[in-house]
Amino acid sequence: MPEPLPPTPIAWKSYYQTVRRIVAKLNCNHGNYRIHDHEFMEIAVITGGTCLHHSVLGDSRPGPGDVFLFRPGAWHGYAEVQNLSLYNCGFDTALLGRELSWMADEPYLSRLLWAIPLAPKQHGMVSLHLPPGEFAQCRRLFDELCSLARKDYLSHFGDHLGLLVQILSLLARNVAEKP
């Protein structure tokens, strides 16, 4: 395979064009997407279809229940897309230093957000697969988080944050290696 092109950086403001600090959406018809990286945290949960996922960890063919967490600078892209649907959640890295800083002291959450992705061989990325029951719960949480997009963000920030904490906790329980 030829060397991938340098990733195109995606800034929070250019991607989401919003003052929101947590954004989630369900993309039911995700197309091919060039290799890129972000200045924010991203969670991608595959819900259907298939693709060739290029990432810092290599190429893979994810399916429903596969989840990727990207720290800023971790690049990835989608090619050979066929009926791909996925949840995508981006959140401001400043949350890790403020509202979510307590997670650094929690064994499972600190592994998901710091220890694993910041390990040299991970290059800022975590990949995992959710079993059916956890995948269904993850979808319910994402549906609820996505539905908050229709409500006033400032008055519902605590709801956004609470759902993000639940999603991160669910993912942390399902990382392959346990602390």
Protein backbone atom coordinates (compact mmCIF):
# COMPACT_ATOMS: atom_id res chain seq x y z
CA MET A 1 0.00 0.00 0.00
CA PRO A 2 1.38 3.47 -0.81
CA GLU A 3 2.24 5.83 2.02
CA PRO A 4 -0.86 7.79 3.09
CA LEU A 5 -0.94 11.49 2.40
CA PRO A 6 -0.27 13.76 5.38
CA PRO A 7 -3.47 14.13 7.40
CA THR A 8 -5.61 17.20 6.90
CA PRO A 9 -6.10 18.83 10.32
CA ILE A 10 -9.69 19.52 11.32
CA ALA A 11 -10.23 22.36 13.77
CA TRP A 12 -13.16 22.31 16.18
CA LYS A 13 -14.62 25.57 14.86
CA SER A 14 -14.32 24.59 11.21
CA TYR A 15 -15.84 21.16 11.76
CA TYR A 16 -18.65 21.89 14.19
CA GLN A 17 -19.00 25.69 13.73
CA THR A 18 -20.58 25.96 17.15
CA VAL A 19 -19.86 27.06 20.69
CA ARG A 20 -20.85 23.61 21.95
CA ARG A 21 -18.13 21.67 23.76
CA ILE A 22 -19.71 18.24 23.19
CA VAL A 23 -21.28 17.38 19.84
CA ALA A 24 -22.76 14.04 18.73
CA LYS A 25 -24.49 12.98 15.56
CA LEU A 26 -25.61 9.83 13.77
CA ASN A 27 -24.42 9.73 10.18
CA CYS A 28 -26.58 7.13 8.43
CA ASN A 29 -24.88 7.56 5.07
CA HIS A 30 -21.20 8.16 5.78
CA GLY A 31 -19.14 8.41 2.64
CA ASN A 32 -15.48 8.07 1.88
CA TYR A 33 -13.54 10.60 3.92
CA ARG A 34 -9.94 11.63 3.37
CA ILE A 35 -7.28 10.97 5.98
CA HIS A 36 -7.51 13.65 8.64
CA ASP A 37 -6.76 14.39 12.26
CA HIS A 38 -8.43 16.63 14.82
CA GLU A 39 -7.63 19.19 17.47
CA PHE A 40 -10.36 17.66 19.66
CA MET A 41 -11.28 14.25 21.08
CA GLU A 42 -13.39 12.04 18.83
CA ILE A 43 -15.36 8.84 19.39
CA ALA A 44 -16.64 6.92 16.35
CA VAL A 45 -19.04 3.99 16.84
CA ILE A 46 -19.77 1.89 13.74
CA THR A 47 -23.46 0.97 13.61
CA GLY A 48 -23.79 -0.59 10.15
CA GLY A 49 -22.16 -1.20 6.81
CA THR A 50 -18.47 -1.54 6.16
CA CYS A 51 -15.43 0.37 4.99
CA LEU A 52 -11.69 0.29 4.86
CA HIS A 53 -10.59 2.33 7.87
CA HIS A 54 -7.11 3.80 7.52
CA SER A 55 -5.64 4.85 10.85
CA VAL A 56 -2.42 5.32 12.79
CA LEU A 57 -2.88 1.71 13.97
CA GLY A 58 -3.10 0.35 10.41
CA ASP A 59 -5.94 -0.60 8.09
CA SER A 60 -9.01 -2.47 9.28
CA ARG A 61 -12.51 -3.40 8.12
CA PRO A 62 -14.71 -2.40 11.06
CA GLY A 63 -18.29 -3.50 11.50
CA PRO A 64 -21.17 -2.85 13.88
CA GLY A 65 -19.97 -2.57 17.47
CA ASP A 66 -16.46 -1.44 16.59
CA VAL A 67 -15.43 1.76 18.35
CA PHE A 68 -12.53 4.14 17.85
CA LEU A 69 -11.38 6.86 20.23
CA PHE A 70 -8.98 9.46 18.84
CA ARG A 71 -6.95 11.97 20.77
CA PRO A 72 -5.85 15.16 18.99
CA GLY A 73 -3.37 14.39 16.24
CA ALA A 74 -4.39 10.74 15.73
CA TRP A 75 -5.23 10.47 12.04
CA HIS A 76 -7.73 8.27 10.26
CA GLY A 77 -9.90 8.12 7.15
CA TYR A 78 -12.62 6.06 5.50
CA ALA A 79 -12.40 4.42 2.05
CA GLU A 80 -14.29 1.74 0.11
CA VAL A 81 -17.40 2.70 2.07
CA GLN A 82 -20.50 0.52 1.67
CA ASN A 83 -23.67 1.57 3.54
CA LEU A 84 -21.58 2.88 6.43
CA SER A 85 -23.42 4.37 9.37
CA LEU A 86 -21.80 5.58 12.55
CA TYR A 87 -22.17 7.75 15.59
CA ASN A 88 -19.60 10.47 15.87
CA CYS A 89 -18.93 12.42 19.05
CA GLY A 90 -16.42 15.20 19.32
CA PHE A 91 -15.56 16.94 22.54
CA ASP A 92 -13.27 19.75 23.54
CA THR A 93 -9.99 18.53 25.07
CA ALA A 94 -10.33 21.24 27.73
CA LEU A 95 -13.01 19.04 29.32
CA LEU A 96 -10.26 16.55 30.25
CA GLY A 97 -8.49 19.22 32.26
CA ARG A 98 -11.60 20.57 33.97
CA GLU A 99 -14.97 18.83 34.14
CA LEU A 100 -13.55 15.35 33.45
CA SER A 101 -10.19 15.71 35.23
CA TRP A 102 -11.31 13.34 38.02
CA MET A 103 -11.21 10.53 35.44
CA ALA A 104 -7.41 10.57 35.58
CA ASP A 105 -7.68 8.93 39.03
CA GLU A 106 -10.16 6.23 37.96
CA PRO A 107 -8.44 2.99 36.80
CA TYR A 108 -10.66 2.17 33.82
CA LEU A 109 -11.34 5.70 32.61
CA SER A 110 -7.71 6.80 32.92
CA ARG A 111 -6.66 3.83 30.81
CA LEU A 112 -9.19 4.68 28.10
CA LEU A 113 -8.42 8.40 27.95
CA TRP A 114 -4.72 8.62 28.87
CA ALA A 115 -2.70 5.42 29.41
CA ILE A 116 -3.68 3.47 26.30
CA PRO A 117 -3.93 6.22 23.67
CA LEU A 118 -0.80 7.98 24.91
CA ALA A 119 1.27 4.77 24.85
CA PRO A 120 3.88 5.09 22.05
CA LYS A 121 2.53 2.16 20.01
CA GLN A 122 -1.05 3.54 20.07
CA HIS A 123 -0.27 6.95 18.55
CA GLY A 124 -3.27 8.60 20.23
CA MET A 125 -5.88 5.99 19.33
CA VAL A 126 -7.91 3.28 21.05
CA SER A 127 -9.80 0.58 19.15
CA LEU A 128 -12.31 -1.78 20.78
CA HIS A 129 -15.36 -3.92 20.06
CA LEU A 130 -18.56 -3.85 22.11
CA PRO A 131 -20.49 -7.07 22.81
CA PRO A 132 -24.17 -6.97 21.75
CA GLY A 133 -25.66 -5.83 25.09
CA GLU A 134 -23.10 -3.07 25.57
CA PHE A 135 -23.46 -2.03 21.92
CA ALA A 136 -27.23 -1.65 22.39
CA GLN A 137 -26.67 0.43 25.55
CA CYS A 138 -24.08 2.57 23.75
CA ARG A 139 -26.57 3.24 20.93
CA ARG A 140 -29.25 4.29 23.44
CA LEU A 141 -26.84 6.71 25.11
CA PHE A 142 -25.75 8.15 21.77
CA ASP A 143 -29.38 8.52 20.64
CA GLU A 144 -30.09 10.50 23.79
CA LEU A 145 -26.96 12.63 23.34
CA CYS A 146 -27.86 13.30 19.69
CA SER A 147 -31.40 14.31 20.68
CA LEU A 148 -29.98 17.02 22.95
CA ALA A 149 -28.80 18.87 19.82
CA ARG A 150 -32.36 20.19 19.47
CA LYS A 151 -32.30 21.74 22.95
CA ASP A 152 -30.63 24.84 24.32
CA TYR A 153 -27.02 23.82 24.89
CA LEU A 154 -26.21 26.09 27.81
CA SER A 155 -29.20 25.00 29.88
CA HIS A 156 -28.54 21.33 29.01
CA PHE A 157 -24.73 21.26 29.31
CA GLY A 158 -24.97 19.05 32.41
CA ASP A 159 -27.08 16.57 30.44
CA HIS A 160 -24.50 16.49 27.64
CA LEU A 161 -21.69 16.00 30.15
CA GLY A 162 -23.57 13.27 32.05
CA LEU A 163 -24.23 11.29 28.88
CA LEU A 164 -20.62 11.67 27.76
CA VAL A 165 -19.47 10.32 31.15
CA GLN A 166 -21.80 7.30 30.75
CA ILE A 167 -20.51 6.63 27.21
CA LEU A 168 -16.88 6.88 28.29
CA SER A 169 -17.53 4.59 31.26
CA LEU A 170 -19.17 1.99 29.01
CA LEU A 171 -16.23 2.13 26.60
CA ALA A 172 -13.69 1.93 29.43
CA ARG A 173 -15.29 -1.30 30.71
CA ASN A 174 -14.80 -2.86 27.29
CA VAL A 175 -11.14 -2.07 26.59
CA ALA A 176 -9.33 -5.37 26.03
CA GLU A 177 -6.77 -5.15 28.83
CA LYS A 178 -8.04 -4.58 32.37
CA PRO A 179 -6.11 -2.47 34.90
